[in-house]
PDB file of all heavy atoms in Angstrom:
ATOM      1  N   ALA A   1      37.424-105.765  61.311  1.00  0.00           N
ATOM      2  CA  ALA A   1      38.370-106.726  60.746  1.00  0.00           C
ATOM      3  C   ALA A   1      38.946-107.690  61.756  1.00  0.00           C
ATOM      4  O   ALA A   1      39.419-108.751  61.341  1.00  0.00           O
ATOM      5  CB  ALA A   1      39.517-105.909  60.109  1.00  0.00           C
ATOM      6  N   LEU A   2      38.885-107.340  63.012  1.00  0.00           N
ATOM      7  CA  LEU A   2      39.390-108.251  64.065  1.00  0.00           C
ATOM      8  C   LEU A   2      38.291-109.005  64.838  1.00  0.00           C
ATOM      9  O   LEU A   2      38.551-109.753  65.768  1.00  0.00           O
ATOM     10  CB  LEU A   2      40.276-107.399  65.058  1.00  0.00           C
ATOM     11  CG  LEU A   2      41.417-106.704  64.431  1.00  0.00           C
ATOM     12  CD1 LEU A   2      42.174-105.899  65.513  1.00  0.00           C
ATOM     13  CD2 LEU A   2      42.372-107.722  63.744  1.00  0.00           C
ATOM     14  N   ALA A   3      37.029-108.770  64.401  1.00  0.00           N
ATOM     15  CA  ALA A   3      35.865-109.300  65.135  1.00  0.00           C
ATOM     16  C   ALA A   3      35.927-110.802  65.158  1.00  0.00           C
ATOM     17  O   ALA A   3      35.366-111.487  66.069  1.00  0.00           O
ATOM     18  CB  ALA A   3      34.595-108.780  64.561  1.00  0.00           C
ATOM     19  N   HIS A   4      36.475-111.447  64.069  1.00  0.00           N
ATOM     20  CA  HIS A   4      36.506-112.939  63.999  1.00  0.00           C
ATOM     21  C   HIS A   4      37.321-113.532  65.181  1.00  0.00           C
ATOM     22  O   HIS A   4      37.028-114.701  65.586  1.00  0.00           O
ATOM     23  CB  HIS A   4      37.053-113.414  62.657  1.00  0.00           C
ATOM     24  CG  HIS A   4      38.450-113.075  62.439  1.00  0.00           C
ATOM     25  ND1 HIS A   4      39.545-113.956  62.565  1.00  0.00           N
ATOM     26  CD2 HIS A   4      39.038-111.906  62.017  1.00  0.00           C
ATOM     27  CE1 HIS A   4      40.639-113.349  62.260  1.00  0.00           C
ATOM     28  NE2 HIS A   4      40.455-112.127  61.913  1.00  0.00           N
ATOM     29  N   LEU A   5      38.259-112.738  65.731  1.00  0.00           N
ATOM     30  CA  LEU A   5      39.006-113.270  66.868  1.00  0.00           C
ATOM     31  C   LEU A   5      38.194-113.288  68.114  1.00  0.00           C
ATOM     32  O   LEU A   5      38.257-114.149  68.883  1.00  0.00           O
ATOM     33  CB  LEU A   5      40.251-112.430  67.029  1.00  0.00           C
ATOM     34  CG  LEU A   5      41.228-112.419  65.901  1.00  0.00           C
ATOM     35  CD1 LEU A   5      42.441-111.439  66.157  1.00  0.00           C
ATOM     36  CD2 LEU A   5      41.732-113.775  65.518  1.00  0.00           C
ATOM     37  N   VAL A   6      37.366-112.212  68.247  1.00  0.00           N
ATOM     38  CA  VAL A   6      36.415-112.094  69.343  1.00  0.00           C
ATOM     39  C   VAL A   6      35.422-113.331  69.274  1.00  0.00           C
ATOM     40  O   VAL A   6      35.156-114.010  70.251  1.00  0.00           O
ATOM     41  CB  VAL A   6      35.646-110.842  69.358  1.00  0.00           C
ATOM     42  CG1 VAL A   6      34.592-110.762  70.522  1.00  0.00           C
ATOM     43  CG2 VAL A   6      36.601-109.638  69.411  1.00  0.00           C
ATOM     44  N   ASP A   7      34.858-113.540  68.067  1.00  0.00           N
ATOM     45  CA  ASP A   7      33.908-114.647  67.839  1.00  0.00           C
ATOM     46  C   ASP A   7      34.536-115.966  68.169  1.00  0.00           C
ATOM     47  O   ASP A   7      33.814-116.919  68.645  1.00  0.00           O
ATOM     48  CB  ASP A   7      33.424-114.629  66.410  1.00  0.00           C
ATOM     49  CG  ASP A   7      32.657-113.374  66.092  1.00  0.00           C
ATOM     50  OD1 ASP A   7      32.116-112.738  67.019  1.00  0.00           O
ATOM     51  OD2 ASP A   7      32.507-113.009  64.863  1.00  0.00           O
ATOM     52  N   ALA A   8      35.834-116.134  67.970  1.00  0.00           N
ATOM     53  CA  ALA A   8      36.508-117.390  68.249  1.00  0.00           C
ATOM     54  C   ALA A   8      36.863-117.576  69.712  1.00  0.00           C
ATOM     55  O   ALA A   8      37.345-118.621  70.157  1.00  0.00           O
ATOM     56  CB  ALA A   8      37.775-117.529  67.395  1.00  0.00           C
ATOM     57  N   GLY A   9      36.678-116.498  70.507  1.00  0.00           N
ATOM     58  CA  GLY A   9      36.932-116.525  71.908  1.00  0.00           C
ATOM     59  C   GLY A   9      38.419-116.553  72.210  1.00  0.00           C
ATOM     60  O   GLY A   9      38.833-117.020  73.312  1.00  0.00           O
ATOM     61  N   ILE A  10      39.229-115.969  71.362  1.00  0.00           N
ATOM     62  CA  ILE A  10      40.698-115.952  71.573  1.00  0.00           C
ATOM     63  C   ILE A  10      41.065-114.631  72.292  1.00  0.00           C
ATOM     64  O   ILE A  10      40.692-113.561  71.824  1.00  0.00           O
ATOM     65  CB  ILE A  10      41.434-116.002  70.287  1.00  0.00           C
ATOM     66  CG1 ILE A  10      41.169-117.315  69.562  1.00  0.00           C
ATOM     67  CG2 ILE A  10      42.978-115.850  70.455  1.00  0.00           C
ATOM     68  CD1 ILE A  10      41.809-117.456  68.178  1.00  0.00           C
ATOM     69  N   PRO A  11      41.703-114.724  73.496  1.00  0.00           N
ATOM     70  CA  PRO A  11      42.175-113.507  74.118  1.00  0.00           C
ATOM     71  C   PRO A  11      43.197-112.759  73.271  1.00  0.00           C
ATOM     72  O   PRO A  11      44.082-113.354  72.696  1.00  0.00           O
ATOM     73  CB  PRO A  11      42.887-114.047  75.395  1.00  0.00           C
ATOM     74  CG  PRO A  11      42.355-115.430  75.580  1.00  0.00           C
ATOM     75  CD  PRO A  11      42.047-115.949  74.232  1.00  0.00           C
ATOM     76  N   VAL A  12      43.048-111.468  73.146  1.00  0.00           N
ATOM     77  CA  VAL A  12      43.863-110.668  72.264  1.00  0.00           C
ATOM     78  C   VAL A  12      44.381-109.390  73.040  1.00  0.00           C
ATOM     79  O   VAL A  12      43.643-108.777  73.771  1.00  0.00           O
ATOM     80  CB  VAL A  12      43.085-110.141  71.070  1.00  0.00           C
ATOM     81  CG1 VAL A  12      43.835-109.202  70.210  1.00  0.00           C
ATOM     82  CG2 VAL A  12      42.630-111.341  70.219  1.00  0.00           C
ATOM     83  N   VAL A  13      45.623-109.104  72.833  1.00  0.00           N
ATOM     84  CA  VAL A  13      46.282-107.842  73.341  1.00  0.00           C
ATOM     85  C   VAL A  13      46.851-107.169  72.172  1.00  0.00           C
ATOM     86  O   VAL A  13      47.629-107.754  71.378  1.00  0.00           O
ATOM     87  CB  VAL A  13      47.330-108.185  74.442  1.00  0.00           C
ATOM     88  CG1 VAL A  13      48.067-106.875  74.783  1.00  0.00           C
ATOM     89  CG2 VAL A  13      46.789-108.865  75.601  1.00  0.00           C
ATOM     90  N   LEU A  14      46.510-105.900  71.976  1.00  0.00           N
ATOM     91  CA  LEU A  14      47.079-105.061  70.939  1.00  0.00           C
ATOM     92  C   LEU A  14      48.339-104.356  71.506  1.00  0.00           C
ATOM     93  O   LEU A  14      48.328-103.943  72.647  1.00  0.00           O
ATOM     94  CB  LEU A  14      46.133-103.952  70.491  1.00  0.00           C
ATOM     95  CG  LEU A  14      44.825-104.474  69.874  1.00  0.00           C
ATOM     96  CD1 LEU A  14      43.924-103.253  69.506  1.00  0.00           C
ATOM     97  CD2 LEU A  14      45.058-105.315  68.653  1.00  0.00           C
ATOM     98  N   VAL A  15      49.394-104.338  70.716  1.00  0.00           N
ATOM     99  CA  VAL A  15      50.625-103.810  71.157  1.00  0.00           C
ATOM    100  C   VAL A  15      51.120-102.731  70.173  1.00  0.00           C
ATOM    101  O   VAL A  15      51.021-102.876  68.943  1.00  0.00           O
ATOM    102  CB  VAL A  15      51.727-104.868  71.358  1.00  0.00           C
ATOM    103  CG1 VAL A  15      52.007-105.591  70.035  1.00  0.00           C
ATOM    104  CG2 VAL A  15      53.001-104.343  71.877  1.00  0.00           C
ATOM    105  N   GLN A  16      51.483-101.554  70.690  1.00  0.00           N
ATOM    106  CA  GLN A  16      52.028-100.480  69.930  1.00  0.00           C
ATOM    107  C   GLN A  16      50.937 -99.643  69.129  1.00  0.00           C
ATOM    108  O   GLN A  16      50.984 -98.444  69.045  1.00  0.00           O
ATOM    109  CB  GLN A  16      53.099-100.870  68.904  1.00  0.00           C
ATOM    110  CG  GLN A  16      54.437-101.065  69.561  1.00  0.00           C
ATOM    111  CD  GLN A  16      55.453-101.107  68.463  1.00  0.00           C
ATOM    112  OE1 GLN A  16      55.494-101.893  67.565  1.00  0.00           O
ATOM    113  NE2 GLN A  16      56.437-100.218  68.568  1.00  0.00           N
ATOM    114  N   ARG A  17      50.037-100.362  68.515  1.00  0.00           N
ATOM    115  CA  ARG A  17      48.953 -99.687  67.713  1.00  0.00           C
ATOM    116  C   ARG A  17      47.657-100.065  68.266  1.00  0.00           C
ATOM    117  O   ARG A  17      47.341-101.208  68.518  1.00  0.00           O
ATOM    118  CB  ARG A  17      49.078-100.104  66.243  1.00  0.00           C
ATOM    119  CG  ARG A  17      50.391 -99.737  65.628  1.00  0.00           C
ATOM    120  CD  ARG A  17      50.400-100.208  64.158  1.00  0.00           C
ATOM    121  NE  ARG A  17      51.608 -99.808  63.412  1.00  0.00           N
ATOM    122  CZ  ARG A  17      51.804-100.150  62.164  1.00  0.00           C
ATOM    123  NH1 ARG A  17      50.873-100.761  61.435  1.00  0.00           N
ATOM    124  NH2 ARG A  17      52.974 -99.770  61.566  1.00  0.00           N
ATOM    125  N   ASP A  18      46.793 -99.101  68.464  1.00  0.00           N
ATOM    126  CA  ASP A  18      45.440 -99.262  68.907  1.00  0.00           C
ATOM    127  C   ASP A  18      44.437 -99.304  67.749  1.00  0.00           C
ATOM    128  O   ASP A  18      44.762 -98.856  66.640  1.00  0.00           O
ATOM    129  CB  ASP A  18      44.997 -98.206  69.898  1.00  0.00           C
ATOM    130  CG  ASP A  18      44.027 -98.664  70.943  1.00  0.00           C
ATOM    131  OD1 ASP A  18      43.554 -99.827  70.801  1.00  0.00           O
ATOM    132  OD2 ASP A  18      43.685 -97.806  71.796  1.00  0.00           O
ATOM    133  N   VAL A  19      43.290 -99.915  68.031  1.00  0.00           N
ATOM    134  CA  VAL A  19      42.209 -99.939  67.022  1.00  0.00           C
ATOM    135  C   VAL A  19      40.963 -99.463  67.686  1.00  0.00           C
ATOM    136  O   VAL A  19      40.495-100.101  68.676  1.00  0.00           O
ATOM    137  CB  VAL A  19      41.998-101.396  66.493  1.00  0.00           C
ATOM    138  CG1 VAL A  19      40.814-101.461  65.513  1.00  0.00           C
ATOM    139  CG2 VAL A  19      43.249-101.858  65.749  1.00  0.00           C
ATOM    140  N   ASP A  20      40.386 -98.383  67.243  1.00  0.00           N
ATOM    141  CA  ASP A  20      39.210 -97.760  67.840  1.00  0.00           C
ATOM    142  C   ASP A  20      38.011 -98.806  67.886  1.00  0.00           C
ATOM    143  O   ASP A  20      37.740 -99.395  66.860  1.00  0.00           O
ATOM    144  CB  ASP A  20      38.768 -96.547  67.050  1.00  0.00           C
ATOM    145  CG  ASP A  20      39.764 -95.387  67.165  1.00  0.00           C
ATOM    146  OD1 ASP A  20      40.592 -95.393  68.134  1.00  0.00           O
ATOM    147  OD2 ASP A  20      39.752 -94.511  66.327  1.00  0.00           O
ATOM    148  N   GLY A  21      37.501 -98.913  69.059  1.00  0.00           N
ATOM    149  CA  GLY A  21      36.296 -99.733  69.228  1.00  0.00           C
ATOM    150  C   GLY A  21      36.519-101.157  69.325  1.00  0.00           C
ATOM    151  O   GLY A  21      35.508-101.920  69.451  1.00  0.00           O
ATOM    152  N   ALA A  22      37.765-101.621  69.307  1.00  0.00           N
ATOM    153  CA  ALA A  22      38.019-103.057  69.323  1.00  0.00           C
ATOM    154  C   ALA A  22      37.784-103.692  70.713  1.00  0.00           C
ATOM    155  O   ALA A  22      37.374-104.818  70.842  1.00  0.00           O
ATOM    156  CB  ALA A  22      39.471-103.374  68.878  1.00  0.00           C
ATOM    157  N   GLY A  23      37.983-102.844  71.758  1.00  0.00           N
ATOM    158  CA  GLY A  23      37.785-103.325  73.148  1.00  0.00           C
ATOM    159  C   GLY A  23      38.819-104.320  73.660  1.00  0.00           C
ATOM    160  O   GLY A  23      38.566-104.980  74.692  1.00  0.00           O
ATOM    161  N   PHE A  24      39.925-104.453  72.991  1.00  0.00           N
ATOM    162  CA  PHE A  24      40.957-105.350  73.473  1.00  0.00           C
ATOM    163  C   PHE A  24      41.912-104.655  74.500  1.00  0.00           C
ATOM    164  O   PHE A  24      41.928-103.447  74.605  1.00  0.00           O
ATOM    165  CB  PHE A  24      41.846-105.844  72.297  1.00  0.00           C
ATOM    166  CG  PHE A  24      41.133-106.690  71.252  1.00  0.00           C
ATOM    167  CD1 PHE A  24      41.293-106.325  69.934  1.00  0.00           C
ATOM    168  CD2 PHE A  24      40.380-107.683  71.640  1.00  0.00           C
ATOM    169  CE1 PHE A  24      40.647-107.094  68.919  1.00  0.00           C
ATOM    170  CE2 PHE A  24      39.684-108.503  70.617  1.00  0.00           C
ATOM    171  CZ  PHE A  24      39.866-108.145  69.344  1.00  0.00           C
ATOM    172  N   ASP A  25      42.657-105.487  75.241  1.00  0.00           N
ATOM    173  CA  ASP A  25      43.753-104.926  76.069  1.00  0.00           C
ATOM    174  C   ASP A  25      44.722-104.224  75.116  1.00  0.00           C
ATOM    175  O   ASP A  25      44.907-104.636  73.939  1.00  0.00           O
ATOM    176  CB  ASP A  25      44.457-106.058  76.792  1.00  0.00           C
ATOM    177  CG  ASP A  25      43.576-106.739  77.791  1.00  0.00           C
ATOM    178  OD1 ASP A  25      42.845-106.079  78.554  1.00  0.00           O
ATOM    179  OD2 ASP A  25      43.566-108.036  77.769  1.00  0.00           O
ATOM    180  N   TYR A  26      45.441-103.197  75.673  1.00  0.00           N
ATOM    181  CA  TYR A  26      46.342-102.424  74.767  1.00  0.00           C
ATOM    182  C   TYR A  26      47.563-102.107  75.644  1.00  0.00           C
ATOM    183  O   TYR A  26      47.439-101.671  76.797  1.00  0.00           O
ATOM    184  CB  TYR A  26      45.692-101.144  74.289  1.00  0.00           C
ATOM    185  CG  TYR A  26      46.698-100.264  73.607  1.00  0.00           C
ATOM    186  CD1 TYR A  26      47.131-100.508  72.353  1.00  0.00           C
ATOM    187  CD2 TYR A  26      47.156 -99.067  74.307  1.00  0.00           C
ATOM    188  CE1 TYR A  26      48.130 -99.706  71.762  1.00  0.00           C
ATOM    189  CE2 TYR A  26      48.103 -98.262  73.670  1.00  0.00           C
ATOM    190  CZ  TYR A  26      48.582 -98.550  72.421  1.00  0.00           C
ATOM    191  OH  TYR A  26      49.491 -97.725  71.812  1.00  0.00           O
ATOM    192  N   VAL A  27      48.777-102.262  75.036  1.00  0.00           N
ATOM    193  CA  VAL A  27      50.028-101.787  75.606  1.00  0.00           C
ATOM    194  C   VAL A  27      50.826-101.009  74.598  1.00  0.00           C
ATOM    195  O   VAL A  27      51.013-101.543  73.475  1.00  0.00           O
ATOM    196  CB  VAL A  27      50.808-103.027  76.100  1.00  0.00           C
ATOM    197  CG1 VAL A  27      52.096-102.564  76.767  1.00  0.00           C
ATOM    198  CG2 VAL A  27      50.040-103.923  77.039  1.00  0.00           C
ATOM    199  N   GLY A  28      51.203 -99.877  74.964  1.00  0.00           N
ATOM    200  CA  GLY A  28      51.992 -99.018  74.028  1.00  0.00           C
ATOM    201  C   GLY A  28      52.651 -97.924  74.741  1.00  0.00           C
ATOM    202  O   GLY A  28      52.878 -97.918  75.954  1.00  0.00           O
ATOM    203  N   VAL A  29      52.943 -96.813  73.982  1.00  0.00           N
ATOM    204  CA  VAL A  29      53.693 -95.659  74.471  1.00  0.00           C
ATOM    205  C   VAL A  29      52.838 -94.427  74.151  1.00  0.00           C
ATOM    206  O   VAL A  29      52.015 -94.388  73.222  1.00  0.00           O
ATOM    207  CB  VAL A  29      55.036 -95.547  73.817  1.00  0.00           C
ATOM    208  CG1 VAL A  29      55.764 -94.271  74.185  1.00  0.00           C
ATOM    209  CG2 VAL A  29      55.870 -96.748  74.148  1.00  0.00           C
TER     210      VAL A  29
END
């Protein structure tokens, strides 16, 4: 569902909630 952001070349950081297999930076608790 988030792959279109990867295709667009937009840097993404996930915060609080992770998404398996997304491969983005993640910051949480």
